[in-house]
Amino acid sequence: MKRILIVEDEQYMQELMQIQLQSQFDLTLVDNGADVLQIFKSNEFNLILLDIMLPYINGFELCKEIRKSSNVPILMVTARTDLKDTIKGLELGADDYVTKPFEFEELLARIKSLLRRSSFKDDETYDTQILSLNNGTLVINLDNRSITFDSQFIELTSKEFQLLALLMESPERVFTREKLLELLWDYADERELRAIDSHVKNIRTKFKKIRPGAKIIRTVWGMGYQLIIPEAPT
C-alpha cells in the first residue's frame, strides 16, 4: 500500500481526507509545519499532500526544504486562489496542486496520477528505457529515473522528469502546452497551463547551473515548447 504524508492543520479537513483515502493508502497525518521534516526524514513516503497555510512553518518553506534531499511527488492543497501563490509552489518544486474547496474525486485522481507517473517502468508511453542525445551530452534513464548533462547528475521533480523525458523522446518536435497537459496530467484543466511554464522554467534553471547559457527547451512563441539537441561541451 502506498504511503502518503498529509500535512493539514484543519481538523475537519484532516478527518475528511482520512475517511476518503484510508481504504486505499497508508496515511500519516501532521497538523503543523514544525514536525514535518523530522517525520519525513524518519519514514519513507510515496507522496506528500501539503497545505500552504500551516502553523510554524508554511508549505512553501517545507516544499523548499524537502526538495533539497528528495524528489518525492508533492501535491499542494491550498485555499489560496491567487495564481502567483500557485506558481510559487510549482517553482519551489511542487508537482501539482489542488485548490480548496475541491471534490474528492479530483483529489484522488491527482494523487493516482502522480503515483502512477512517478513509476515510469509501468508507463507504456515510453518504449526505450535510456535516451541519449549528442553522444551522451544529455542522457535520461527511465528505469532508475536519473538524468546526466555534461556527465553531471541533475535532480528533477517527478513532473519535471516526466516533462523532459517526453520532450526528449521527440527532439525538435513542438508540443503545445495543451498537448503536454493531455499527455502528462490525467486530470487537468486550463489552470494547469501555467504549471507547464513553471516546470519548464525550473528545468532550464537546473541545467544552467551546470552549464551557464545551456539551451535545452526552446519556447516556440504562439505554439509551445520543443527540446533542442544540446551542443557537446567545449
Protein backbone atom coordinates (compact mmCIF):
# COMPACT_ATOMS: atom_id res chain seq x y z
CA MET A 1 0.00 0.00 0.00
CA LYS A 2 1.36 3.42 -0.98
CA ARG A 3 2.28 5.70 1.90
CA ILE A 4 1.06 9.31 1.91
CA LEU A 5 2.08 12.07 4.30
CA ILE A 6 -0.81 14.52 4.78
CA VAL A 7 0.18 17.93 6.17
CA GLU A 8 -3.03 19.76 7.03
CA ASP A 9 -3.83 21.87 10.09
CA GLU A 10 -7.62 21.97 9.76
CA GLN A 11 -9.01 19.07 11.80
CA TYR A 12 -12.19 18.91 9.74
CA MET A 13 -10.22 18.61 6.51
CA GLN A 14 -7.87 16.05 8.08
CA GLU A 15 -10.83 13.88 9.05
CA LEU A 16 -12.38 14.16 5.60
CA MET A 17 -9.12 13.16 3.89
CA GLN A 18 -8.69 10.25 6.27
CA ILE A 19 -12.21 8.99 5.61
CA GLN A 20 -11.81 9.30 1.84
CA LEU A 21 -8.27 7.95 1.47
CA GLN A 22 -7.55 5.48 4.29
CA SER A 23 -9.01 2.49 2.44
CA GLN A 24 -6.53 2.92 -0.43
CA PHE A 25 -3.42 4.38 1.19
CA ASP A 26 -1.33 4.16 4.35
CA LEU A 27 -1.75 7.65 5.80
CA THR A 28 0.38 9.70 8.20
CA LEU A 29 -1.28 12.94 9.30
CA VAL A 30 0.53 16.02 10.62
CA ASP A 31 -1.18 19.24 11.68
CA ASN A 32 1.76 21.67 11.79
CA GLY A 33 4.85 22.50 9.80
CA ALA A 34 7.29 22.13 12.69
CA ASP A 35 7.03 18.31 12.85
CA VAL A 36 7.03 17.57 9.14
CA LEU A 37 10.74 17.47 8.32
CA GLN A 38 11.62 15.10 11.18
CA ILE A 39 8.76 12.75 10.31
CA PHE A 40 9.71 12.86 6.65
CA LYS A 41 13.36 12.06 7.38
CA SER A 42 12.40 9.14 9.62
CA ASN A 43 9.98 7.50 7.20
CA GLU A 44 9.56 6.71 3.52
CA PHE A 45 6.58 8.17 1.70
CA ASN A 46 5.34 7.79 -1.86
CA LEU A 47 3.60 11.18 -1.93
CA ILE A 48 3.03 14.28 0.19
CA LEU A 49 -0.21 16.25 0.40
CA LEU A 50 0.97 19.65 1.56
CA ASP A 51 -1.16 22.56 2.69
CA ILE A 52 0.34 26.04 2.31
CA MET A 53 -1.08 27.82 5.35
CA LEU A 54 0.40 25.93 8.32
CA PRO A 55 1.46 26.81 11.88
CA TYR A 56 5.16 27.47 12.49
CA ILE A 57 6.49 26.62 9.01
CA ASN A 58 4.39 27.23 5.90
CA GLY A 59 4.04 24.86 2.97
CA PHE A 60 6.32 26.90 0.71
CA GLU A 61 9.25 26.57 3.11
CA LEU A 62 8.57 22.88 3.68
CA CYS A 63 8.47 22.22 -0.04
CA LYS A 64 11.77 24.02 -0.48
CA GLU A 65 13.42 22.02 2.32
CA ILE A 66 12.08 18.67 1.15
CA ARG A 67 13.35 19.30 -2.37
CA LYS A 68 16.90 19.65 -1.05
CA SER A 69 17.00 15.91 -0.40
CA SER A 70 14.07 14.23 -2.13
CA ASN A 71 12.07 14.11 -5.36
CA VAL A 72 9.00 12.56 -3.71
CA PRO A 73 5.84 13.77 -5.51
CA ILE A 74 4.33 16.79 -3.75
CA LEU A 75 0.70 17.75 -4.25
CA MET A 76 -0.06 21.15 -2.77
CA VAL A 77 -3.50 21.61 -1.26
CA THR A 78 -4.37 25.25 -0.79
CA ALA A 79 -7.23 27.61 -0.06
CA ARG A 80 -5.38 30.39 -1.89
CA THR A 81 -6.77 31.30 -5.28
CA ASP A 82 -4.04 33.78 -6.24
CA LEU A 83 -2.24 32.40 -9.29
CA LYS A 84 1.06 33.82 -8.00
CA ASP A 85 0.88 31.51 -4.99
CA THR A 86 0.29 28.51 -7.20
CA ILE A 87 3.21 29.40 -9.47
CA LYS A 88 5.44 29.96 -6.44
CA GLY A 89 4.69 26.47 -5.18
CA LEU A 90 5.47 24.90 -8.54
CA GLU A 91 8.71 26.85 -8.86
CA LEU A 92 9.77 25.58 -5.43
CA GLY A 93 9.33 22.02 -6.65
CA ALA A 94 5.71 21.00 -6.14
CA ASP A 95 4.45 18.63 -8.83
CA ASP A 96 0.79 19.56 -8.83
CA TYR A 97 -1.81 21.46 -6.83
CA VAL A 98 -5.49 21.42 -5.99
CA THR A 99 -7.47 24.39 -4.68
CA LYS A 100 -9.95 24.23 -1.81
CA PRO A 101 -12.81 23.60 -1.91
CA PHE A 102 -12.40 20.57 -4.15
CA GLU A 103 -14.24 17.38 -4.96
CA PHE A 104 -12.54 14.32 -3.52
CA GLU A 105 -12.83 12.65 -6.91
CA GLU A 106 -10.50 15.35 -8.23
CA LEU A 107 -8.07 14.94 -5.33
CA LEU A 108 -7.98 11.18 -5.75
CA ALA A 109 -7.44 11.49 -9.50
CA ARG A 110 -4.48 13.80 -8.99
CA ILE A 111 -2.97 11.54 -6.32
CA LYS A 112 -3.24 8.47 -8.53
CA SER A 113 -1.83 10.35 -11.50
CA LEU A 114 1.27 11.44 -9.56
CA LEU A 115 1.80 7.98 -8.10
CA ARG A 116 1.40 6.30 -11.46
CA ARG A 117 3.60 8.75 -13.33
CA SER A 118 6.31 8.57 -10.69
CA SER A 119 6.84 4.92 -11.63
CA PHE A 120 7.99 5.07 -15.23
CA LYS A 121 8.52 1.34 -15.74
CA ASP A 122 4.74 0.92 -15.67
CA ASP A 123 4.20 3.71 -18.18
CA GLU A 124 3.65 2.46 -21.73
CA THR A 125 4.27 5.88 -23.21
CA TYR A 126 7.98 5.14 -23.47
CA ASP A 127 9.47 2.17 -25.35
CA THR A 128 13.15 2.98 -24.81
CA GLN A 129 14.50 2.95 -21.28
CA ILE A 130 17.60 5.07 -21.98
CA LEU A 131 17.50 8.17 -24.15
CA SER A 132 20.78 9.82 -25.14
CA LEU A 133 21.44 12.93 -27.21
CA ASN A 134 24.65 14.14 -28.86
CA ASN A 135 26.96 11.29 -27.84
CA GLY A 136 25.85 11.28 -24.22
CA THR A 137 25.77 15.03 -23.64
CA LEU A 138 22.25 14.57 -22.28
CA VAL A 139 21.19 11.14 -21.02
CA ILE A 140 17.97 10.11 -19.29
CA ASN A 141 17.42 6.66 -17.80
CA LEU A 142 13.74 5.85 -17.39
CA ASP A 143 14.39 2.78 -15.25
CA ASN A 144 16.23 4.46 -12.40
CA ARG A 145 14.92 7.97 -13.16
CA SER A 146 18.38 9.50 -13.49
CA ILE A 147 19.49 12.36 -15.74
CA THR A 148 23.02 13.43 -16.63
CA PHE A 149 24.08 16.54 -18.50
CA ASP A 150 27.77 17.01 -19.34
CA SER A 151 28.30 13.85 -17.23
CA GLN A 152 26.80 15.52 -14.14
CA PHE A 153 23.63 14.35 -12.44
CA ILE A 154 20.61 16.67 -12.36
CA GLU A 155 17.89 16.32 -9.73
CA LEU A 156 14.39 16.87 -11.12
CA THR A 157 10.99 16.55 -9.50
CA SER A 158 8.60 13.88 -10.73
CA LYS A 159 6.75 16.20 -13.11
CA GLU A 160 9.93 17.86 -14.34
CA PHE A 161 11.38 14.42 -15.09
CA GLN A 162 8.26 13.31 -16.97
CA LEU A 163 8.15 16.52 -18.99
CA LEU A 164 11.81 16.32 -20.00
CA ALA A 165 11.51 12.62 -20.89
CA LEU A 166 8.53 13.34 -23.12
CA LEU A 167 10.35 16.14 -24.93
CA MET A 168 13.50 14.02 -25.30
CA GLU A 169 11.55 11.24 -26.93
CA SER A 170 10.82 13.58 -29.85
CA PRO A 171 13.66 16.12 -30.14
CA GLU A 172 12.78 19.23 -32.16
CA ARG A 173 9.07 18.38 -32.12
CA VAL A 174 6.93 21.28 -30.95
CA PHE A 175 4.44 20.35 -28.22
CA THR A 176 1.65 22.75 -27.39
CA ARG A 177 1.01 23.29 -23.71
CA GLU A 178 -2.41 21.71 -24.21
CA LYS A 179 -0.80 18.57 -25.65
CA LEU A 180 1.66 18.37 -22.77
CA LEU A 181 -1.23 18.61 -20.33
CA GLU A 182 -3.04 15.83 -22.16
CA LEU A 183 0.00 13.54 -22.03
CA LEU A 184 1.25 14.28 -18.52
CA TRP A 185 -1.84 15.08 -16.46
CA ASP A 186 -4.69 12.61 -16.24
CA TYR A 187 -6.87 15.23 -14.62
CA ALA A 188 -6.24 18.72 -15.95
CA ASP A 189 -7.92 21.93 -16.97
CA GLU A 190 -6.92 25.38 -18.14
CA ARG A 191 -5.43 26.27 -14.74
CA GLU A 192 -2.51 23.90 -15.35
CA LEU A 193 -1.30 25.69 -18.49
CA ARG A 194 0.76 27.95 -16.23
CA ALA A 195 2.05 24.86 -14.42
CA ILE A 196 3.73 23.75 -17.64
CA ASP A 197 5.52 27.11 -17.85
CA SER A 198 6.75 26.81 -14.27
CA HIS A 199 8.13 23.30 -14.77
CA VAL A 200 9.93 24.38 -17.94
CA LYS A 201 11.46 27.33 -16.09
CA ASN A 202 12.67 25.01 -13.30
CA ILE A 203 14.27 22.60 -15.77
CA ARG A 204 16.09 25.41 -17.56
CA THR A 205 17.41 26.80 -14.28
CA LYS A 206 18.81 23.44 -13.19
CA PHE A 207 20.59 22.86 -16.49
CA LYS A 208 22.11 26.34 -16.41
CA LYS A 209 23.63 25.61 -13.01
CA ILE A 210 25.78 23.02 -14.77
CA ARG A 211 26.41 24.95 -17.96
CA PRO A 212 25.54 28.66 -17.92
CA GLY A 213 23.80 29.57 -21.14
CA ALA A 214 22.69 25.98 -21.79
CA LYS A 215 19.76 25.82 -24.20
CA ILE A 216 17.63 22.75 -23.65
CA ILE A 217 13.98 23.72 -24.09
CA ARG A 218 13.04 26.37 -26.64
CA THR A 219 9.87 28.41 -26.44
CA VAL A 220 8.13 28.50 -29.81
CA TRP A 221 6.03 31.61 -29.47
CA GLY A 222 2.35 31.13 -30.18
CA MET A 223 2.75 27.36 -30.21
CA GLY A 224 4.53 25.71 -27.28
CA TYR A 225 7.85 24.09 -26.40
CA GLN A 226 10.44 21.90 -28.07
CA LEU A 227 13.60 20.20 -26.90
CA ILE A 228 16.67 21.13 -28.87
CA ILE A 229 19.65 18.82 -29.10
CA PRO A 230 22.28 20.33 -26.78
CA GLU A 231 25.73 21.13 -28.05
CA ALA A 232 28.56 18.97 -26.78
CA PRO A 233 30.64 20.60 -24.05
CA THR A 234 33.66 22.51 -25.28
